[in-house]
Amino acid sequence: MNGEMYQICMLVNAARNSITAKKEFTYRCDDYVNSVKFCFLPQKTLFRETSVEAGDPQEWFRACMEKGLSDIKFLTPLQAKNRALLGFSNVNRSCILTFYKNHPVTYWMATWEFDKSLKKWNIKYQEYKWDNPPSTMPQFDNNRKEFGDILLRIGEFADQIDFKNFGDIFRNAYDILNGKSEIPAQYPNGRSIYLPAEENKRMFYAASKADVFGAMGSWNDSPPWYAQEKGLGDEYENLSNELLKQIRLAVLYAINED
């Protein structure tokens, strides 16, 4: 899974756990992160506007709660204009939705900048007002069946174009999704995964496992050329688009729904 999406998912997950369970907000940055800052919408005072900034996730969450945070959601587009760019920074367009009592609905977008000297990332989240938000809270359906179907179909297709390694990845994701394999105790980066419901945890891990869209060495690299040579270019595109859609739907459900 793209690191930007993963971080937003974990921030939202930590915040939702804190709100629903009424316990302390717990979030720790990954080792590749140097700093995470949050810039709130400017606040109007009698004579001027002031900008408020939180220097870390804990400070950000406390400030949100003080403003009357009532709910928080993860949001991401279901498709990408160019899947080949998904391995790069600042192209994902995922965001955090924040819902406040007696305040406008807002969303947060992240900008990632790499510090070459430290070899770590500096991340800045900016808050924006959501003009004309929907009248009801966004709800996300359980797409486990559709997700499982595309994993099997694209797994067979990967074998057909001689990429059994990817086929094995898709089949492993299917087995995790449907309870045929144990959920690993930790995410591949070594961090533990905490989601309240077993099915949500399975869907999130399976989606992370199946998200093979990136740069060199990914499903975007050699497979489309091999598929084209076999006259299967259109099938590769259709299956890949559907896989990306079902991965995103699975993550939206896993993170946002109890």
Protein backbone atom coordinates (compact mmCIF):
# COMPACT_ATOMS: atom_id res chain seq x y z
CA MET A 1 0.00 0.00 0.00
CA ASN A 2 1.16 3.52 -0.79
CA GLY A 3 2.78 5.04 2.30
CA GLU A 4 0.67 8.19 2.10
CA MET A 5 -2.58 6.23 2.15
CA TYR A 6 -1.29 3.97 4.91
CA GLN A 7 -0.43 6.93 7.14
CA ILE A 8 -3.84 8.55 6.66
CA CYS A 9 -5.54 5.22 7.39
CA MET A 10 -3.60 4.81 10.61
CA LEU A 11 -4.28 8.40 11.73
CA VAL A 12 -8.01 7.98 11.12
CA ASN A 13 -8.00 4.55 12.75
CA ALA A 14 -6.24 5.88 15.85
CA ALA A 15 -8.62 8.83 16.08
CA ARG A 16 -11.73 6.67 15.65
CA ASN A 17 -10.51 4.22 18.29
CA SER A 18 -9.94 7.10 20.68
CA ILE A 19 -13.36 8.66 20.04
CA THR A 20 -15.44 5.47 20.19
CA ALA A 21 -13.57 3.79 23.05
CA LYS A 22 -13.01 7.08 24.92
CA LYS A 23 -9.34 6.31 25.40
CA GLU A 24 -6.04 8.03 24.72
CA PHE A 25 -5.09 8.78 21.13
CA THR A 26 -2.15 6.54 20.27
CA TYR A 27 -0.15 7.00 17.09
CA ARG A 28 3.56 6.62 16.37
CA CYS A 29 5.22 7.69 13.13
CA ASP A 30 7.13 5.19 11.04
CA ASP A 31 10.92 5.32 10.98
CA TYR A 32 11.02 6.89 7.52
CA VAL A 33 9.13 9.97 8.79
CA ASN A 34 11.03 12.95 10.21
CA SER A 35 8.09 15.24 11.00
CA VAL A 36 4.31 15.52 10.64
CA LYS A 37 2.67 18.94 10.94
CA PHE A 38 -0.96 20.00 10.69
CA CYS A 39 -2.07 23.48 9.59
CA PHE A 40 -5.61 24.36 10.64
CA LEU A 41 -7.87 26.75 8.77
CA PRO A 42 -7.08 30.37 9.74
CA GLN A 43 -9.10 31.58 12.72
CA LYS A 44 -10.63 35.05 12.60
CA THR A 45 -10.06 37.32 15.57
CA LEU A 46 -11.24 40.90 16.09
CA PHE A 47 -8.42 42.46 14.08
CA ARG A 48 -6.83 39.68 12.01
CA GLU A 49 -6.69 36.05 11.01
CA THR A 50 -4.35 33.73 12.87
CA SER A 51 -2.95 30.42 11.66
CA VAL A 52 -2.84 27.52 14.10
CA GLU A 53 -0.37 24.71 13.58
CA ALA A 54 0.03 21.38 15.38
CA GLY A 55 3.55 19.99 15.48
CA ASP A 56 2.66 16.29 15.77
CA PRO A 57 -0.35 13.93 15.50
CA GLN A 58 -1.08 13.98 19.25
CA GLU A 59 -1.24 17.78 19.34
CA TRP A 60 -3.41 17.76 16.21
CA PHE A 61 -5.91 15.32 17.70
CA ARG A 62 -6.14 17.28 20.96
CA ALA A 63 -6.82 20.48 19.01
CA CYS A 64 -9.51 18.75 16.94
CA MET A 65 -11.22 17.47 20.09
CA GLU A 66 -11.13 20.94 21.63
CA LYS A 67 -12.92 22.23 18.52
CA GLY A 68 -15.66 19.64 19.03
CA LEU A 69 -14.60 16.77 16.76
CA SER A 70 -17.51 14.33 16.54
CA ASP A 71 -16.39 11.94 13.80
CA ILE A 72 -13.54 11.38 11.38
CA LYS A 73 -13.36 9.47 8.10
CA PHE A 74 -10.84 8.33 5.50
CA LEU A 75 -11.61 9.20 1.88
CA THR A 76 -9.84 8.24 -1.34
CA PRO A 77 -10.70 8.18 -5.07
CA LEU A 78 -11.62 4.76 -6.47
CA GLN A 79 -9.55 5.16 -9.62
CA ALA A 80 -6.38 6.89 -10.75
CA LYS A 81 -5.84 8.73 -14.02
CA ASN A 82 -2.43 7.08 -14.31
CA ARG A 83 -1.81 3.97 -12.19
CA ALA A 84 1.91 4.13 -13.04
CA LEU A 85 2.23 7.23 -10.82
CA LEU A 86 0.84 5.54 -7.70
CA GLY A 87 4.32 4.66 -6.50
CA PHE A 88 5.30 8.34 -6.27
CA SER A 89 4.55 10.93 -3.60
CA ASN A 90 1.79 13.55 -3.71
CA VAL A 91 -0.36 11.83 -6.34
CA ASN A 92 -2.62 9.66 -4.17
CA ARG A 93 -5.22 12.34 -3.28
CA SER A 94 -6.43 10.51 -0.18
CA CYS A 95 -7.68 12.75 2.60
CA ILE A 96 -8.99 12.91 6.17
CA LEU A 97 -12.56 14.15 6.70
CA THR A 98 -13.28 15.86 10.03
CA PHE A 99 -16.79 16.47 11.34
CA TYR A 100 -17.28 18.96 14.17
CA LYS A 101 -20.17 19.99 16.37
CA ASN A 102 -21.29 23.47 15.30
CA HIS A 103 -18.37 23.83 12.86
CA PRO A 104 -18.00 23.29 9.10
CA VAL A 105 -16.98 19.90 7.74
CA THR A 106 -13.32 20.03 6.72
CA TYR A 107 -10.80 17.81 4.97
CA TRP A 108 -7.04 17.43 5.25
CA MET A 109 -4.62 16.90 2.36
CA ALA A 110 -0.97 15.96 2.82
CA THR A 111 2.18 17.15 1.08
CA TRP A 112 5.26 14.93 1.40
CA GLU A 113 8.79 16.36 1.02
CA PHE A 114 11.92 14.22 1.18
CA ASP A 115 14.87 15.47 3.23
CA LYS A 116 17.91 14.13 1.39
CA SER A 117 20.30 14.82 4.25
CA LEU A 118 18.19 12.93 6.80
CA LYS A 119 16.80 10.48 4.23
CA LYS A 120 13.39 10.91 5.81
CA TRP A 121 10.10 12.55 4.96
CA ASN A 122 8.60 15.78 6.23
CA ILE A 123 4.81 15.75 5.92
CA LYS A 124 2.45 18.70 6.14
CA TYR A 125 -1.33 18.35 6.36
CA GLN A 126 -3.42 21.36 5.36
CA GLU A 127 -7.06 21.74 6.44
CA TYR A 128 -9.66 22.94 3.91
CA LYS A 129 -13.35 23.74 4.29
CA TRP A 130 -15.66 21.31 2.50
CA ASP A 131 -18.17 23.49 0.70
CA ASN A 132 -21.61 21.91 0.26
CA PRO A 133 -20.92 18.62 2.08
CA PRO A 134 -23.57 15.86 1.93
CA SER A 135 -26.37 16.12 4.47
CA THR A 136 -25.65 12.63 5.84
CA MET A 137 -22.45 11.02 7.04
CA PRO A 138 -20.63 9.00 4.33
CA GLN A 139 -21.29 5.27 4.63
CA PHE A 140 -19.30 2.49 2.96
CA ASP A 141 -20.56 -0.98 2.03
CA ASN A 142 -18.82 -4.27 2.67
CA ASN A 143 -17.39 -5.38 -0.71
CA ARG A 144 -15.75 -8.61 0.46
CA LYS A 145 -17.44 -10.75 -2.23
CA GLU A 146 -16.58 -8.39 -5.11
CA PHE A 147 -13.04 -7.98 -3.79
CA GLY A 148 -12.58 -11.76 -3.56
CA ASP A 149 -13.92 -12.26 -7.09
CA ILE A 150 -11.43 -9.84 -8.67
CA LEU A 151 -8.55 -11.33 -6.69
CA LEU A 152 -9.29 -14.77 -8.16
CA ARG A 153 -9.79 -13.44 -11.68
CA ILE A 154 -6.63 -11.34 -11.74
CA GLY A 155 -4.68 -14.16 -10.11
CA GLU A 156 -5.57 -16.45 -13.01
CA PHE A 157 -4.74 -13.69 -15.46
CA ALA A 158 -1.31 -13.14 -13.87
CA ASP A 159 -0.54 -16.84 -14.41
CA GLN A 160 -1.75 -16.55 -18.00
CA ILE A 161 0.78 -13.79 -18.79
CA ASP A 162 3.57 -15.68 -16.98
CA PHE A 163 3.67 -13.65 -13.75
CA LYS A 164 2.93 -16.39 -11.24
CA ASN A 165 4.63 -14.34 -8.51
CA PHE A 166 1.85 -11.78 -8.76
CA GLY A 167 -0.73 -14.56 -9.04
CA ASP A 168 0.52 -15.94 -5.72
CA ILE A 169 0.21 -12.48 -4.13
CA PHE A 170 -3.40 -12.16 -5.26
CA ARG A 171 -4.27 -15.69 -4.08
CA ASN A 172 -2.63 -15.06 -0.72
CA ALA A 173 -4.68 -11.86 -0.35
CA TYR A 174 -7.81 -13.87 -1.20
CA ASP A 175 -7.01 -16.48 1.45
CA ILE A 176 -6.46 -13.80 4.10
CA LEU A 177 -9.67 -12.04 3.08
CA ASN A 178 -11.75 -15.21 3.39
CA GLY A 179 -10.20 -16.66 6.53
CA LYS A 180 -8.20 -19.40 4.79
CA SER A 181 -4.91 -17.94 6.06
CA GLU A 182 -4.08 -16.38 9.38
CA ILE A 183 -3.76 -12.62 9.58
CA PRO A 184 -0.10 -11.79 10.27
CA ALA A 185 0.47 -10.26 13.68
CA GLN A 186 2.18 -7.28 12.07
CA TYR A 187 1.94 -5.18 8.95
CA PRO A 188 4.93 -5.69 6.55
CA ASN A 189 6.63 -2.57 8.01
CA GLY A 190 6.78 -4.27 11.40
CA ARG A 191 3.91 -2.34 12.96
CA SER A 192 1.01 -4.12 14.61
CA ILE A 193 -2.46 -3.77 13.11
CA TYR A 194 -5.36 -2.85 15.36
CA LEU A 195 -8.88 -2.75 13.96
CA PRO A 196 -11.80 -3.54 16.26
CA ALA A 197 -13.54 -6.09 14.00
CA GLU A 198 -11.92 -9.25 12.64
CA GLU A 199 -13.43 -8.82 9.18
CA ASN A 200 -12.23 -5.21 8.95
CA LYS A 201 -8.74 -6.34 9.85
CA ARG A 202 -8.81 -9.07 7.19
CA MET A 203 -10.08 -6.65 4.54
CA PHE A 204 -7.44 -4.07 5.34
CA TYR A 205 -4.57 -6.54 5.32
CA ALA A 206 -5.80 -8.25 2.13
CA ALA A 207 -6.11 -4.85 0.44
CA SER A 208 -2.60 -3.92 1.56
CA LYS A 209 -1.25 -7.23 0.27
CA ALA A 210 -3.00 -6.94 -3.10
CA ASP A 211 -1.98 -3.32 -3.71
CA VAL A 212 0.83 -4.04 -6.16
CA PHE A 213 0.55 -0.74 -8.02
CA GLY A 214 3.80 1.18 -7.95
CA ALA A 215 6.89 1.87 -10.02
CA MET A 216 9.75 -0.43 -11.05
CA GLY A 217 9.05 -4.09 -10.33
CA SER A 218 5.35 -3.49 -9.66
CA TRP A 219 2.24 -4.69 -11.51
CA ASN A 220 2.55 -1.45 -13.51
CA ASP A 221 6.03 -2.33 -14.79
CA SER A 222 6.47 -5.43 -17.00
CA PRO A 223 3.01 -7.12 -16.85
CA PRO A 224 1.23 -4.67 -19.20
CA TRP A 225 3.86 -5.23 -21.89
CA TYR A 226 3.66 -9.00 -21.61
CA ALA A 227 -0.14 -8.81 -21.69
CA GLN A 228 0.00 -6.63 -24.82
CA GLU A 229 2.29 -9.10 -26.57
CA LYS A 230 -0.24 -11.87 -25.89
CA GLY A 231 -3.10 -9.73 -27.22
CA LEU A 232 -4.49 -9.28 -23.72
CA GLY A 233 -3.82 -5.57 -23.21
CA ASP A 234 -7.48 -4.62 -22.80
CA GLU A 235 -8.06 -7.41 -20.28
CA TYR A 236 -5.03 -6.25 -18.28
CA GLU A 237 -6.44 -2.71 -18.15
CA ASN A 238 -9.95 -3.79 -17.19
CA LEU A 239 -8.81 -6.20 -14.48
CA SER A 240 -6.28 -3.73 -13.07
CA ASN A 241 -8.84 -0.92 -12.89
CA GLU A 242 -11.31 -3.22 -11.15
CA LEU A 243 -8.66 -4.44 -8.70
CA LEU A 244 -7.71 -0.89 -7.75
CA LYS A 245 -11.39 0.01 -7.27
CA GLN A 246 -12.09 -2.99 -5.04
CA ILE A 247 -8.90 -2.42 -3.00
CA ARG A 248 -9.95 1.16 -2.32
CA LEU A 249 -13.51 0.11 -1.44
CA ALA A 250 -12.18 -2.53 0.95
CA VAL A 251 -9.95 0.00 2.72
CA LEU A 252 -12.77 2.55 2.93
CA TYR A 253 -14.96 -0.05 4.62
CA ALA A 254 -12.24 -1.44 6.88
CA ILE A 255 -11.18 1.96 8.24
CA ASN A 256 -14.50 3.80 8.35
CA GLU A 257 -17.07 1.22 9.42
CA ASP A 258 -17.25 -0.45 12.83
